[in-house]
Amino acid sequence: MEKAAVQGDGLLIPLIDFSKFLDGSPAQKLETAKAILTGFQTAGFIYLSNIPIPPATVAHVFDTSASFFRLPASTKDSLAWSTPEANRGYSSPGREKVSQLTSSAAVSALRTSIPDIKESFEIGRDDEPSHPNRWPPETEETKLAGFKQTMTFFFTQLASLHTSVMRAIAVGMSLPETFFDRFVCDGDNTLRLLHYPAVRRDVFQINLGQVRAGEHSDYGSITFLFQDDRGGLQVQSPGGAFVDATPIEGTCVVNAGDLLARWSNETIKSTVHRVVEPPRKEESKEGETYPARYSIAYFCNPNFKDFIEAIPGTYATEADKKYEGINSGEYLVQRLKATY
């Protein structure tokens, strides 16, 4: 039986040893695949341990990300995020407002009243001439030597992990293990570096509803999230309460997105989550300010060119399909247009 990484208010997020899927016996592989699928079906979230990416690699990416966010605002702004079609570049604090709203006007109003306290940098696949990545200069002044190499290597490692987790989902659904391979081979994913700046504690008391990132579900198929030890991520339970998704060293949080829920005919959940005021630590001597929080998300999608419709086995008749088919890339651009 899998251990619980998070448990409360009817929410159980399992902690799963992914090496048993990759390197275990046939029985362990099947058991792990079913645990992953069940986690996505019941909670929409899982924690994975023993992924094939060394902790030292993840730590180096975090250090490199922190160096980027220490750049002057003018340098970061010169790399500004421009269009939903490209979805690359820097977003300054207050630029993006994540929510469950779909109207651009409604999102704009919410952004103005309660902006998210975060900044981010988006990196896509690096072989699209029409949408090049916006790489920062690697000079003595920026202290970012090796930034591009570090991020493109990590992007590639996570693209491979994406394929492996989708294979686990396929096995759990009693589909051929490689069922999803042709849908994810292009690597149309996004690596997002996130920095939640230090913030005074009283900001959360003065501005009711203030969060570091608003309530939202992700748009694509699955998301990998690496978080530091600060905390603040919360996942909505079946009863509607938000439960702390406490960081666990050496793990990666993985959640299903809206497009996978749609693809699975809603047999898989895309669960709402947010980033709020971090838990207060009794032994803390931090004073009146919460330190900065860093996280790294890797948003996975079906290939943008692919047409997505209900997966075989998730419906009995055509009438049982809850959604019409949709082009993956067009769907994601629609969602991004409302966010920024």
Foldseek 3Di string as FASTA:
>chain_A
DFDFLFDDPQATAGEAECVCLVPNDPVSVLVRLLVLLVNQLAFLKYKYFPDPDDPVLVVVLLVLLVLQVPDDPVQQVVQDDDALLQQFGKDDFLRWAADADQALVVLVVCSVQATAQKMKGKDWQQPDVVRHHRDGDCDPVSVNVCVVVSVNVVLVSVLVVVLSSQLSNCSSLVHHSNVCVLFSVVRGKMKMKMKRAKDFPCVCVVRPPHFNHYKHFAAAAKKKKDWDQQWFKWWAHPVGDTTTSGDDPRIIMMGGGPLNCLLQLNSGDGTIMGGGDTDDDPVDPPPRIRHMIIMMMMGGHTPQADKGFHDPPSDDDPVSRPDDIDRGNVRSSSRVVSGD
